[in-house]
Amino acid sequence: MLKINEAIIVEGKYDKIKLSSVVDAVIIVTDGFRIFKDAEKLSLIRYYAEKTGIIILTDSDSAGRKIRGYIKGSVKDGRIINVYIPDVFGKEKRKEKPSAEGKLGVEGIDVKTLVRAFEKSGVCASESTRSNDITKATLYELGLSGGKNSRLLREKLQKNLGLPSLMSADSLMEVLNTMMTSEELSGYVRKMGDTE
């Protein structure tokens, strides 16, 4: 599995599933055109653009181009890398018929072609050795989810870490796994409590 430091932006959950078998990276799903109205997700994308850089990997059809253009236009600061998949005509296995333009999306592209697309774009990857040990249970145990004041504690943590304020517990968990271990998070939450 290849470790990529930048967050990767894809259109759908099946794209994320496909990429997760190839790379160890934060993968953010736009849910297609829903990104146009999702302030939380756009805020998260901007955060990653500034902190680690983002990789935009959309389908090679007109919808993918629109989504790519929207994200590029919405991210003013930070680093954006565009990774393009080639036009491959066919139909994804899970679908009954091909897309309107007849092209395979990210989910339908074979692994070797995906890896080459990253390489052509100059994305450097290394072998992954770190495990993501911050889980939903970790957030619960630290009082960051499922408790009376969890939302307030999450907001305080997000502010202290310079993260966007509009984040779900799941988004926060994904981001924290790129920043620290569960042990480091536990220490950070303890320090926050000591300063009150």
N, C-alpha and C. Protein backbone atom coordinates (compact mmCIF):
# COMPACT_ATOMS: atom_id res chain seq x y z
N MET A 1 0.84 -1.18 0.00
CA MET A 1 0.00 0.00 0.00
C MET A 1 0.89 1.25 0.00
N LEU A 2 0.51 2.25 -0.78
CA LEU A 2 1.29 3.48 -0.90
C LEU A 2 0.77 4.55 0.05
N LYS A 3 1.68 5.19 0.76
CA LYS A 3 1.32 6.28 1.68
C LYS A 3 1.41 7.58 0.91
N ILE A 4 0.32 8.33 0.88
CA ILE A 4 0.29 9.64 0.22
C ILE A 4 -0.08 10.67 1.28
N ASN A 5 0.74 11.72 1.39
CA ASN A 5 0.52 12.72 2.44
C ASN A 5 -0.65 13.65 2.15
N GLU A 6 -0.89 13.94 0.89
CA GLU A 6 -1.97 14.85 0.54
C GLU A 6 -3.33 14.17 0.70
N ALA A 7 -4.36 14.95 0.96
CA ALA A 7 -5.73 14.43 0.98
C ALA A 7 -6.18 14.28 -0.47
N ILE A 8 -6.88 13.20 -0.76
CA ILE A 8 -7.33 12.93 -2.12
C ILE A 8 -8.84 13.18 -2.18
N ILE A 9 -9.25 13.97 -3.16
CA ILE A 9 -10.66 14.30 -3.34
C ILE A 9 -11.21 13.47 -4.49
N VAL A 10 -12.25 12.67 -4.22
CA VAL A 10 -12.91 11.87 -5.25
C VAL A 10 -14.40 12.15 -5.24
N GLU A 11 -15.10 11.68 -6.26
CA GLU A 11 -16.52 11.98 -6.40
C GLU A 11 -17.42 11.12 -5.53
N GLY A 12 -17.19 9.81 -5.49
CA GLY A 12 -18.15 8.94 -4.83
C GLY A 12 -17.55 7.91 -3.91
N LYS A 13 -18.43 7.24 -3.16
CA LYS A 13 -17.97 6.25 -2.18
C LYS A 13 -17.29 5.05 -2.83
N TYR A 14 -17.71 4.69 -4.05
CA TYR A 14 -17.06 3.56 -4.71
C TYR A 14 -15.66 3.93 -5.19
N ASP A 15 -15.46 5.21 -5.52
CA ASP A 15 -14.11 5.69 -5.85
C ASP A 15 -13.22 5.56 -4.61
N LYS A 16 -13.78 5.94 -3.45
CA LYS A 16 -13.03 5.87 -2.20
C LYS A 16 -12.67 4.42 -1.87
N ILE A 17 -13.62 3.52 -2.05
CA ILE A 17 -13.36 2.11 -1.78
C ILE A 17 -12.23 1.60 -2.66
N LYS A 18 -12.28 1.95 -3.95
CA LYS A 18 -11.24 1.52 -4.90
C LYS A 18 -9.87 2.06 -4.46
N LEU A 19 -9.80 3.36 -4.18
CA LEU A 19 -8.53 3.98 -3.80
C LEU A 19 -7.99 3.44 -2.48
N SER A 20 -8.90 3.14 -1.54
CA SER A 20 -8.47 2.63 -0.24
C SER A 20 -7.71 1.32 -0.34
N SER A 21 -7.92 0.59 -1.43
CA SER A 21 -7.19 -0.66 -1.61
C SER A 21 -5.79 -0.42 -2.18
N VAL A 22 -5.52 0.83 -2.59
CA VAL A 22 -4.25 1.15 -3.24
C VAL A 22 -3.40 2.08 -2.38
N VAL A 23 -4.03 3.05 -1.73
CA VAL A 23 -3.29 4.09 -1.00
C VAL A 23 -3.72 4.19 0.45
N ASP A 24 -2.77 4.64 1.26
CA ASP A 24 -3.05 5.02 2.65
C ASP A 24 -3.02 6.54 2.64
N ALA A 25 -4.20 7.14 2.65
CA ALA A 25 -4.32 8.59 2.59
C ALA A 25 -5.69 8.98 3.09
N VAL A 26 -5.84 10.24 3.41
CA VAL A 26 -7.18 10.77 3.69
C VAL A 26 -7.88 10.88 2.34
N ILE A 27 -9.06 10.31 2.25
CA ILE A 27 -9.84 10.36 1.01
C ILE A 27 -11.17 11.03 1.33
N ILE A 28 -11.42 12.15 0.67
CA ILE A 28 -12.65 12.91 0.90
C ILE A 28 -13.56 12.73 -0.30
N VAL A 29 -14.81 12.37 -0.04
CA VAL A 29 -15.79 12.13 -1.09
C VAL A 29 -16.67 13.37 -1.26
N THR A 30 -16.79 13.86 -2.48
CA THR A 30 -17.62 15.05 -2.74
C THR A 30 -19.10 14.72 -2.82
N ASP A 31 -19.44 13.45 -2.95
CA ASP A 31 -20.82 13.04 -3.21
C ASP A 31 -21.35 13.74 -4.45
N GLY A 32 -20.53 13.71 -5.49
CA GLY A 32 -20.93 14.32 -6.76
C GLY A 32 -21.13 15.82 -6.61
N PHE A 33 -22.23 16.31 -7.16
CA PHE A 33 -22.50 17.74 -7.14
C PHE A 33 -22.93 18.26 -5.77
N ARG A 34 -23.11 17.39 -4.80
CA ARG A 34 -23.48 17.84 -3.44
C ARG A 34 -22.42 18.75 -2.84
N ILE A 35 -21.19 18.63 -3.34
CA ILE A 35 -20.11 19.48 -2.83
C ILE A 35 -20.44 20.96 -3.03
N PHE A 36 -21.25 21.27 -4.03
CA PHE A 36 -21.61 22.67 -4.30
C PHE A 36 -22.36 23.31 -3.14
N LYS A 37 -23.00 22.49 -2.29
CA LYS A 37 -23.78 23.03 -1.18
C LYS A 37 -23.31 22.52 0.18
N ASP A 38 -22.17 21.86 0.23
CA ASP A 38 -21.68 21.27 1.48
C ASP A 38 -20.55 22.12 2.07
N ALA A 39 -20.92 23.08 2.89
CA ALA A 39 -19.95 24.01 3.47
C ALA A 39 -18.93 23.31 4.36
N GLU A 40 -19.38 22.29 5.11
CA GLU A 40 -18.47 21.56 6.00
C GLU A 40 -17.38 20.86 5.20
N LYS A 41 -17.79 20.16 4.15
CA LYS A 41 -16.81 19.42 3.36
C LYS A 41 -15.85 20.36 2.64
N LEU A 42 -16.38 21.46 2.12
CA LEU A 42 -15.53 22.43 1.43
C LEU A 42 -14.53 23.05 2.40
N SER A 43 -14.96 23.30 3.63
CA SER A 43 -14.07 23.83 4.66
C SER A 43 -12.95 22.83 4.96
N LEU A 44 -13.30 21.54 5.00
CA LEU A 44 -12.32 20.50 5.25
C LEU A 44 -11.31 20.41 4.10
N ILE A 45 -11.81 20.52 2.88
CA ILE A 45 -10.93 20.50 1.70
C ILE A 45 -9.96 21.67 1.74
N ARG A 46 -10.46 22.85 2.09
CA ARG A 46 -9.59 24.04 2.20
C ARG A 46 -8.53 23.84 3.28
N TYR A 47 -8.93 23.25 4.40
CA TYR A 47 -7.99 22.99 5.48
C TYR A 47 -6.84 22.11 4.97
N TYR A 48 -7.19 21.01 4.32
CA TYR A 48 -6.16 20.11 3.81
C TYR A 48 -5.31 20.76 2.73
N ALA A 49 -5.91 21.59 1.90
CA ALA A 49 -5.14 22.28 0.86
C ALA A 49 -4.02 23.09 1.49
N GLU A 50 -4.31 23.74 2.60
CA GLU A 50 -3.31 24.57 3.29
C GLU A 50 -2.31 23.73 4.08
N LYS A 51 -2.77 22.67 4.73
CA LYS A 51 -1.90 21.90 5.63
C LYS A 51 -1.04 20.86 4.91
N THR A 52 -1.63 20.08 4.03
CA THR A 52 -0.89 18.99 3.40
C THR A 52 -0.90 19.07 1.88
N GLY A 53 -1.82 19.85 1.34
CA GLY A 53 -2.07 19.86 -0.09
C GLY A 53 -3.19 18.87 -0.38
N ILE A 54 -3.85 19.06 -1.51
CA ILE A 54 -4.91 18.14 -1.91
C ILE A 54 -4.62 17.61 -3.32
N ILE A 55 -5.14 16.44 -3.58
CA ILE A 55 -5.08 15.84 -4.90
C ILE A 55 -6.52 15.71 -5.38
N ILE A 56 -6.82 16.29 -6.52
CA ILE A 56 -8.16 16.14 -7.08
C ILE A 56 -8.13 15.02 -8.10
N LEU A 57 -8.94 13.99 -7.87
CA LEU A 57 -9.00 12.82 -8.75
C LEU A 57 -10.47 12.56 -9.07
N THR A 58 -10.97 13.22 -10.10
CA THR A 58 -12.36 13.03 -10.50
C THR A 58 -12.41 12.21 -11.78
N ASP A 59 -13.60 11.79 -12.12
CA ASP A 59 -13.79 11.03 -13.36
C ASP A 59 -13.43 11.92 -14.55
N SER A 60 -13.19 11.29 -15.70
CA SER A 60 -12.77 12.06 -16.88
C SER A 60 -13.94 12.53 -17.73
N ASP A 61 -15.15 12.50 -17.17
CA ASP A 61 -16.31 12.97 -17.91
C ASP A 61 -16.61 14.44 -17.58
N SER A 62 -17.68 14.99 -18.16
CA SER A 62 -17.99 16.41 -17.97
C SER A 62 -18.36 16.71 -16.52
N ALA A 63 -19.04 15.79 -15.85
CA ALA A 63 -19.38 16.01 -14.43
C ALA A 63 -18.10 16.10 -13.60
N GLY A 64 -17.15 15.23 -13.86
CA GLY A 64 -15.87 15.27 -13.14
C GLY A 64 -15.13 16.58 -13.37
N ARG A 65 -15.19 17.07 -14.61
CA ARG A 65 -14.54 18.37 -14.91
C ARG A 65 -15.21 19.51 -14.14
N LYS A 66 -16.54 19.49 -14.04
CA LYS A 66 -17.26 20.55 -13.31
C LYS A 66 -16.89 20.53 -11.83
N ILE A 67 -16.85 19.35 -11.25
CA ILE A 67 -16.51 19.23 -9.84
C ILE A 67 -15.07 19.67 -9.60
N ARG A 68 -14.16 19.25 -10.46
CA ARG A 68 -12.75 19.65 -10.35
C ARG A 68 -12.63 21.17 -10.43
N GLY A 69 -13.31 21.76 -11.40
CA GLY A 69 -13.27 23.22 -11.57
C GLY A 69 -13.83 23.96 -10.37
N TYR A 70 -14.90 23.44 -9.81
CA TYR A 70 -15.51 24.07 -8.64
C TYR A 70 -14.55 24.05 -7.45
N ILE A 71 -13.93 22.90 -7.22
CA ILE A 71 -13.00 22.80 -6.09
C ILE A 71 -11.80 23.72 -6.30
N LYS A 72 -11.23 23.70 -7.50
CA LYS A 72 -10.09 24.58 -7.79
C LYS A 72 -10.46 26.05 -7.58
N GLY A 73 -11.65 26.43 -7.98
CA GLY A 73 -12.09 27.81 -7.82
C GLY A 73 -12.41 28.18 -6.38
N SER A 74 -12.74 27.18 -5.56
CA SER A 74 -13.13 27.43 -4.17
C SER A 74 -11.96 27.41 -3.20
N VAL A 75 -10.84 26.85 -3.62
CA VAL A 75 -9.65 26.77 -2.75
C VAL A 75 -8.69 27.87 -3.17
N LYS A 76 -8.62 28.91 -2.37
CA LYS A 76 -7.77 30.06 -2.71
C LYS A 76 -6.34 29.90 -2.21
N ASP A 77 -6.16 29.25 -1.06
CA ASP A 77 -4.84 29.09 -0.47
C ASP A 77 -4.50 27.61 -0.38
N GLY A 78 -3.22 27.30 -0.50
CA GLY A 78 -2.80 25.92 -0.38
C GLY A 78 -2.32 25.37 -1.70
N ARG A 79 -2.13 24.07 -1.70
CA ARG A 79 -1.55 23.40 -2.87
C ARG A 79 -2.56 22.39 -3.43
N ILE A 80 -2.73 22.46 -4.74
CA ILE A 80 -3.63 21.55 -5.43
C ILE A 80 -2.84 20.78 -6.48
N ILE A 81 -2.97 19.47 -6.47
CA ILE A 81 -2.38 18.62 -7.50
C ILE A 81 -3.53 17.97 -8.24
N ASN A 82 -3.51 18.06 -9.55
CA ASN A 82 -4.54 17.41 -10.36
C ASN A 82 -4.02 16.09 -10.88
N VAL A 83 -4.75 15.03 -10.60
CA VAL A 83 -4.44 13.71 -11.14
C VAL A 83 -5.57 13.36 -12.09
N TYR A 84 -5.21 13.00 -13.31
CA TYR A 84 -6.21 12.70 -14.33
C TYR A 84 -6.14 11.23 -14.72
N ILE A 85 -7.32 10.60 -14.78
CA ILE A 85 -7.36 9.24 -15.31
C ILE A 85 -7.63 9.34 -16.81
N PRO A 86 -7.13 8.37 -17.58
CA PRO A 86 -7.35 8.43 -19.02
C PRO A 86 -8.80 8.08 -19.37
N ASP A 87 -9.20 8.43 -20.57
CA ASP A 87 -10.51 8.02 -21.07
C ASP A 87 -10.46 6.53 -21.37
N VAL A 88 -11.18 5.77 -20.59
CA VAL A 88 -11.32 4.34 -20.83
C VAL A 88 -12.81 4.08 -20.97
N PHE A 89 -13.20 3.55 -22.10
CA PHE A 89 -14.62 3.32 -22.34
C PHE A 89 -15.02 1.94 -21.85
N GLY A 90 -16.19 1.90 -21.23
CA GLY A 90 -16.69 0.64 -20.69
C GLY A 90 -17.75 0.90 -19.64
N LYS A 91 -18.01 -0.11 -18.83
CA LYS A 91 -19.06 -0.05 -17.81
C LYS A 91 -18.52 -0.65 -16.52
N GLU A 92 -18.77 0.03 -15.40
CA GLU A 92 -18.38 -0.51 -14.10
C GLU A 92 -19.18 -1.78 -13.83
N LYS A 93 -18.57 -2.73 -13.14
CA LYS A 93 -19.21 -4.02 -12.88
C LYS A 93 -20.53 -3.90 -12.12
N ARG A 94 -20.62 -2.95 -11.20
CA ARG A 94 -21.82 -2.85 -10.37
C ARG A 94 -22.99 -2.18 -11.09
N LYS A 95 -22.74 -1.58 -12.26
CA LYS A 95 -23.77 -0.85 -12.98
C LYS A 95 -24.38 -1.70 -14.09
N GLU A 96 -25.64 -1.41 -14.37
CA GLU A 96 -26.34 -2.14 -15.44
C GLU A 96 -25.93 -1.66 -16.82
N LYS A 97 -25.64 -0.35 -16.93
CA LYS A 97 -25.26 0.20 -18.23
C LYS A 97 -24.15 1.22 -18.05
N PRO A 98 -23.46 1.56 -19.12
CA PRO A 98 -22.37 2.54 -19.02
C PRO A 98 -22.89 3.93 -18.64
N SER A 99 -21.99 4.80 -18.22
CA SER A 99 -22.35 6.18 -17.91
C SER A 99 -22.81 6.88 -19.19
N ALA A 100 -23.35 8.07 -19.04
CA ALA A 100 -23.87 8.82 -20.19
C ALA A 100 -22.81 9.00 -21.28
N GLU A 101 -21.55 9.22 -20.87
CA GLU A 101 -20.48 9.42 -21.85
C GLU A 101 -19.75 8.12 -22.17
N GLY A 102 -20.13 7.02 -21.50
CA GLY A 102 -19.54 5.73 -21.79
C GLY A 102 -18.15 5.50 -21.23
N LYS A 103 -17.70 6.39 -20.35
CA LYS A 103 -16.34 6.28 -19.81
C LYS A 103 -16.36 5.66 -18.41
N LEU A 104 -15.31 4.92 -18.10
CA LEU A 104 -15.16 4.40 -16.75
C LEU A 104 -14.77 5.54 -15.81
N GLY A 105 -15.31 5.48 -14.60
CA GLY A 105 -14.91 6.44 -13.58
C GLY A 105 -13.73 5.88 -12.80
N VAL A 106 -13.34 6.60 -11.77
CA VAL A 106 -12.20 6.18 -10.94
C VAL A 106 -12.40 4.74 -10.45
N GLU A 107 -13.61 4.41 -10.02
CA GLU A 107 -13.87 3.08 -9.47
C GLU A 107 -13.64 1.96 -10.48
N GLY A 108 -13.78 2.27 -11.77
CA GLY A 108 -13.65 1.24 -12.80
C GLY A 108 -12.27 1.10 -13.39
N ILE A 109 -11.38 2.02 -13.06
CA ILE A 109 -10.02 2.00 -13.61
C ILE A 109 -9.17 0.97 -12.86
N ASP A 110 -8.35 0.21 -13.58
CA ASP A 110 -7.53 -0.80 -12.93
C ASP A 110 -6.43 -0.14 -12.08
N VAL A 111 -5.95 -0.89 -11.11
CA VAL A 111 -4.98 -0.39 -10.13
C VAL A 111 -3.72 0.14 -10.78
N LYS A 112 -3.16 -0.58 -11.75
CA LYS A 112 -1.92 -0.13 -12.40
C LYS A 112 -2.11 1.23 -13.07
N THR A 113 -3.24 1.42 -13.72
CA THR A 113 -3.51 2.70 -14.39
C THR A 113 -3.66 3.82 -13.36
N LEU A 114 -4.29 3.52 -12.23
CA LEU A 114 -4.42 4.52 -11.16
C LEU A 114 -3.05 4.93 -10.63
N VAL A 115 -2.20 3.95 -10.36
CA VAL A 115 -0.86 4.24 -9.85
C VAL A 115 -0.08 5.07 -10.87
N ARG A 116 -0.18 4.72 -12.15
CA ARG A 116 0.51 5.51 -13.19
C ARG A 116 -0.02 6.94 -13.25
N ALA A 117 -1.32 7.12 -13.05
CA ALA A 117 -1.89 8.47 -13.07
C ALA A 117 -1.28 9.33 -11.95
N PHE A 118 -1.10 8.74 -10.77
CA PHE A 118 -0.45 9.46 -9.67
C PHE A 118 1.00 9.78 -10.03
N GLU A 119 1.70 8.81 -10.56
CA GLU A 119 3.11 9.02 -10.93
C GLU A 119 3.26 10.11 -11.98
N LYS A 120 2.39 10.10 -13.00
CA LYS A 120 2.45 11.12 -14.07
C LYS A 120 2.25 12.53 -13.52
N SER A 121 1.48 12.62 -12.43
CA SER A 121 1.20 13.93 -11.83
C SER A 121 2.27 14.35 -10.83
N GLY A 122 3.30 13.51 -10.67
CA GLY A 122 4.40 13.86 -9.77
C GLY A 122 4.11 13.61 -8.31
N VAL A 123 3.09 12.81 -8.02
CA VAL A 123 2.76 12.51 -6.63
C VAL A 123 3.72 11.45 -6.14
N CYS A 124 4.44 11.80 -5.07
CA CYS A 124 5.40 10.87 -4.49
C CYS A 124 4.72 10.08 -3.38
N ALA A 125 4.92 8.80 -3.41
CA ALA A 125 4.33 7.94 -2.39
C ALA A 125 5.43 7.12 -1.75
N SER A 126 5.17 6.71 -0.53
CA SER A 126 6.12 5.86 0.17
C SER A 126 5.33 4.69 0.76
N GLU A 127 6.05 3.71 1.25
CA GLU A 127 5.38 2.58 1.88
C GLU A 127 4.82 3.03 3.23
N SER A 128 3.60 2.66 3.50
CA SER A 128 2.93 3.05 4.74
C SER A 128 3.37 2.16 5.89
N THR A 129 3.68 2.79 7.02
CA THR A 129 4.03 2.02 8.21
C THR A 129 3.16 2.40 9.40
N ARG A 130 2.42 3.49 9.30
CA ARG A 130 1.62 3.98 10.42
C ARG A 130 0.20 3.41 10.34
N SER A 131 -0.34 3.09 11.51
CA SER A 131 -1.73 2.64 11.53
C SER A 131 -2.59 3.75 12.12
N ASN A 132 -3.81 3.84 11.66
CA ASN A 132 -4.74 4.84 12.17
C ASN A 132 -5.39 4.27 13.43
N ASP A 133 -4.92 4.73 14.59
CA ASP A 133 -5.42 4.14 15.83
C ASP A 133 -6.44 5.01 16.57
N ILE A 134 -6.84 6.13 16.00
CA ILE A 134 -7.90 6.94 16.58
C ILE A 134 -9.21 6.46 15.97
N THR A 135 -10.07 5.90 16.82
CA THR A 135 -11.33 5.32 16.36
C THR A 135 -12.50 6.07 17.00
N LYS A 136 -13.70 5.66 16.64
CA LYS A 136 -14.89 6.24 17.27
C LYS A 136 -14.88 5.97 18.77
N ALA A 137 -14.37 4.79 19.14
CA ALA A 137 -14.27 4.45 20.57
C ALA A 137 -13.29 5.40 21.28
N THR A 138 -12.21 5.76 20.60
CA THR A 138 -11.23 6.70 21.18
C THR A 138 -11.91 8.04 21.46
N LEU A 139 -12.65 8.54 20.47
CA LEU A 139 -13.34 9.82 20.64
C LEU A 139 -14.34 9.75 21.79
N TYR A 140 -15.05 8.64 21.89
CA TYR A 140 -16.03 8.45 22.98
C TYR A 140 -15.33 8.44 24.33
N GLU A 141 -14.24 7.66 24.44
CA GLU A 141 -13.52 7.55 25.71
C GLU A 141 -12.95 8.90 26.16
N LEU A 142 -12.58 9.74 25.20
CA LEU A 142 -12.00 11.05 25.54
C LEU A 142 -13.07 12.13 25.70
N GLY A 143 -14.33 11.74 25.56
CA GLY A 143 -15.43 12.70 25.72
C GLY A 143 -15.70 13.56 24.50
N LEU A 144 -15.12 13.17 23.36
CA LEU A 144 -15.28 13.97 22.14
C LEU A 144 -16.51 13.57 21.33
N SER A 145 -17.17 12.49 21.72
CA SER A 145 -18.43 12.11 21.07
C SER A 145 -19.29 11.33 22.05
N GLY A 146 -20.60 11.42 21.87
CA GLY A 146 -21.54 10.64 22.67
C GLY A 146 -21.79 11.13 24.08
N GLY A 147 -21.20 12.23 24.47
CA GLY A 147 -21.39 12.75 25.83
C GLY A 147 -22.15 14.06 25.86
N LYS A 148 -22.45 14.51 27.07
CA LYS A 148 -23.24 15.73 27.27
C LYS A 148 -22.57 16.95 26.66
N ASN A 149 -21.27 17.10 26.84
CA ASN A 149 -20.55 18.27 26.35
C ASN A 149 -19.59 17.95 25.20
N SER A 150 -19.84 16.84 24.53
CA SER A 150 -18.92 16.39 23.46
C SER A 150 -18.75 17.42 22.36
N ARG A 151 -19.84 18.00 21.91
CA ARG A 151 -19.77 18.95 20.81
C ARG A 151 -18.90 20.15 21.19
N LEU A 152 -19.08 20.65 22.42
CA LEU A 152 -18.28 21.80 22.88
C LEU A 152 -16.80 21.44 22.98
N LEU A 153 -16.52 20.24 23.48
CA LEU A 153 -15.13 19.80 23.60
C LEU A 153 -14.50 19.62 22.21
N ARG A 154 -15.28 19.05 21.26
CA ARG A 154 -14.77 18.90 19.88
C ARG A 154 -14.47 20.27 19.28
N GLU A 155 -15.38 21.22 19.48
CA GLU A 155 -15.18 22.57 18.92
C GLU A 155 -13.94 23.22 19.50
N LYS A 156 -13.71 23.04 20.81
CA LYS A 156 -12.52 23.60 21.45
C LYS A 156 -11.26 22.96 20.88
N LEU A 157 -11.29 21.65 20.74
CA LEU A 157 -10.14 20.93 20.17
C LEU A 157 -9.87 21.41 18.75
N GLN A 158 -10.92 21.49 17.94
CA GLN A 158 -10.78 21.93 16.55
C GLN A 158 -10.18 23.33 16.48
N LYS A 159 -10.65 24.22 17.35
CA LYS A 159 -10.13 25.59 17.36
C LYS A 159 -8.65 25.59 17.75
N ASN A 160 -8.30 24.84 18.79
CA ASN A 160 -6.90 24.76 19.24
C ASN A 160 -5.97 24.18 18.19
N LEU A 161 -6.49 23.25 17.38
CA LEU A 161 -5.68 22.62 16.34
C LEU A 161 -5.72 23.37 15.02
N GLY A 162 -6.51 24.45 14.95
CA GLY A 162 -6.62 25.22 13.72
C GLY A 162 -7.44 24.51 12.65
N LEU A 163 -8.39 23.68 13.10
CA LEU A 163 -9.25 22.94 12.16
C LEU A 163 -10.54 23.72 11.90
N PRO A 164 -11.22 23.43 10.80
CA PRO A 164 -12.50 24.09 10.53
C PRO A 164 -13.50 23.80 11.64
N SER A 165 -14.38 24.74 11.91
CA SER A 165 -15.36 24.56 12.98
C SER A 165 -16.49 23.62 12.58
N LEU A 166 -16.81 23.57 11.31
CA LEU A 166 -17.90 22.71 10.84
C LEU A 166 -17.38 21.33 10.47
N MET A 167 -17.30 20.46 11.47
CA MET A 167 -16.82 19.10 11.22
C MET A 167 -17.64 18.11 12.03
N SER A 168 -18.00 17.00 11.44
CA SER A 168 -18.67 15.92 12.17
C SER A 168 -17.61 15.16 12.95
N ALA A 169 -18.06 14.30 13.87
CA ALA A 169 -17.12 13.48 14.64
C ALA A 169 -16.33 12.57 13.70
N ASP A 170 -16.98 12.03 12.66
CA ASP A 170 -16.29 11.15 11.70
C ASP A 170 -15.20 11.91 10.95
N SER A 171 -15.51 13.12 10.50
CA SER A 171 -14.51 13.93 9.79
C SER A 171 -13.34 14.25 10.72
N LEU A 172 -13.67 14.59 11.95
CA LEU A 172 -12.62 14.90 12.93
C LEU A 172 -11.72 13.70 13.15
N MET A 173 -12.32 12.52 13.27
CA MET A 173 -11.53 11.30 13.48
C MET A 173 -10.56 11.09 12.32
N GLU A 174 -11.02 11.27 11.10
CA GLU A 174 -10.17 11.07 9.93
C GLU A 174 -9.00 12.06 9.92
N VAL A 175 -9.30 13.32 10.24
CA VAL A 175 -8.26 14.35 10.26
C VAL A 175 -7.25 14.08 11.38
N LEU A 176 -7.75 13.75 12.56
CA LEU A 176 -6.85 13.51 13.69
C LEU A 176 -5.88 12.36 13.40
N ASN A 177 -6.34 11.35 12.68
CA ASN A 177 -5.46 10.23 12.33
C ASN A 177 -4.30 10.65 11.45
N THR A 178 -4.44 11.77 10.74
CA THR A 178 -3.33 12.26 9.92
C THR A 178 -2.38 13.12 10.73
N MET A 179 -2.82 13.54 11.90
CA MET A 179 -2.05 14.49 12.69
C MET A 179 -1.30 13.87 13.87
N MET A 180 -1.89 12.81 14.47
CA MET A 180 -1.34 12.30 15.72
C MET A 180 -1.83 10.88 15.99
N THR A 181 -1.26 10.29 17.04
CA THR A 181 -1.70 8.97 17.49
C THR A 181 -2.78 9.15 18.55
N SER A 182 -3.43 8.06 18.94
CA SER A 182 -4.45 8.16 19.98
C SER A 182 -3.83 8.58 21.31
N GLU A 183 -2.61 8.14 21.56
CA GLU A 183 -1.91 8.52 22.80
C GLU A 183 -1.64 10.03 22.81
N GLU A 184 -1.19 10.56 21.69
CA GLU A 184 -0.94 12.01 21.60
C GLU A 184 -2.24 12.80 21.74
N LEU A 185 -3.31 12.29 21.14
CA LEU A 185 -4.61 12.95 21.26
C LEU A 185 -5.08 12.97 22.71
N SER A 186 -4.91 11.86 23.39
CA SER A 186 -5.30 11.77 24.80
C SER A 186 -4.56 12.81 25.63
N GLY A 187 -3.26 12.93 25.41
CA GLY A 187 -2.46 13.94 26.12
C GLY A 187 -2.92 15.35 25.79
N TYR A 188 -3.26 15.58 24.53
CA TYR A 188 -3.70 16.91 24.11
C TYR A 188 -5.01 17.27 24.77
N VAL A 189 -5.95 16.32 24.84
CA VAL A 189 -7.25 16.57 25.47
C VAL A 189 -7.08 16.83 26.97
N ARG A 190 -6.17 16.06 27.61
CA ARG A 190 -5.87 16.29 29.03
C ARG A 190 -5.34 17.69 29.27
N LYS A 191 -4.40 18.14 28.42
CA LYS A 191 -3.83 19.50 28.54
C LYS A 191 -4.92 20.57 28.38
N MET A 192 -5.84 20.32 27.46
CA MET A 192 -6.94 21.29 27.27
C MET A 192 -7.77 21.40 28.55
N GLY A 193 -8.00 20.27 29.20
CA GLY A 193 -8.76 20.27 30.46
C GLY A 193 -8.01 20.97 31.57
N ASP A 194 -6.67 20.85 31.58
CA ASP A 194 -5.85 21.49 32.60
C ASP A 194 -5.84 23.01 32.49
N THR A 195 -6.08 23.52 31.28
CA THR A 195 -6.00 24.98 31.07
C THR A 195 -7.33 25.67 31.36
N GLU A 196 -8.37 24.93 31.69
CA GLU A 196 -9.68 25.56 31.98
C GLU A 196 -9.67 26.19 33.35
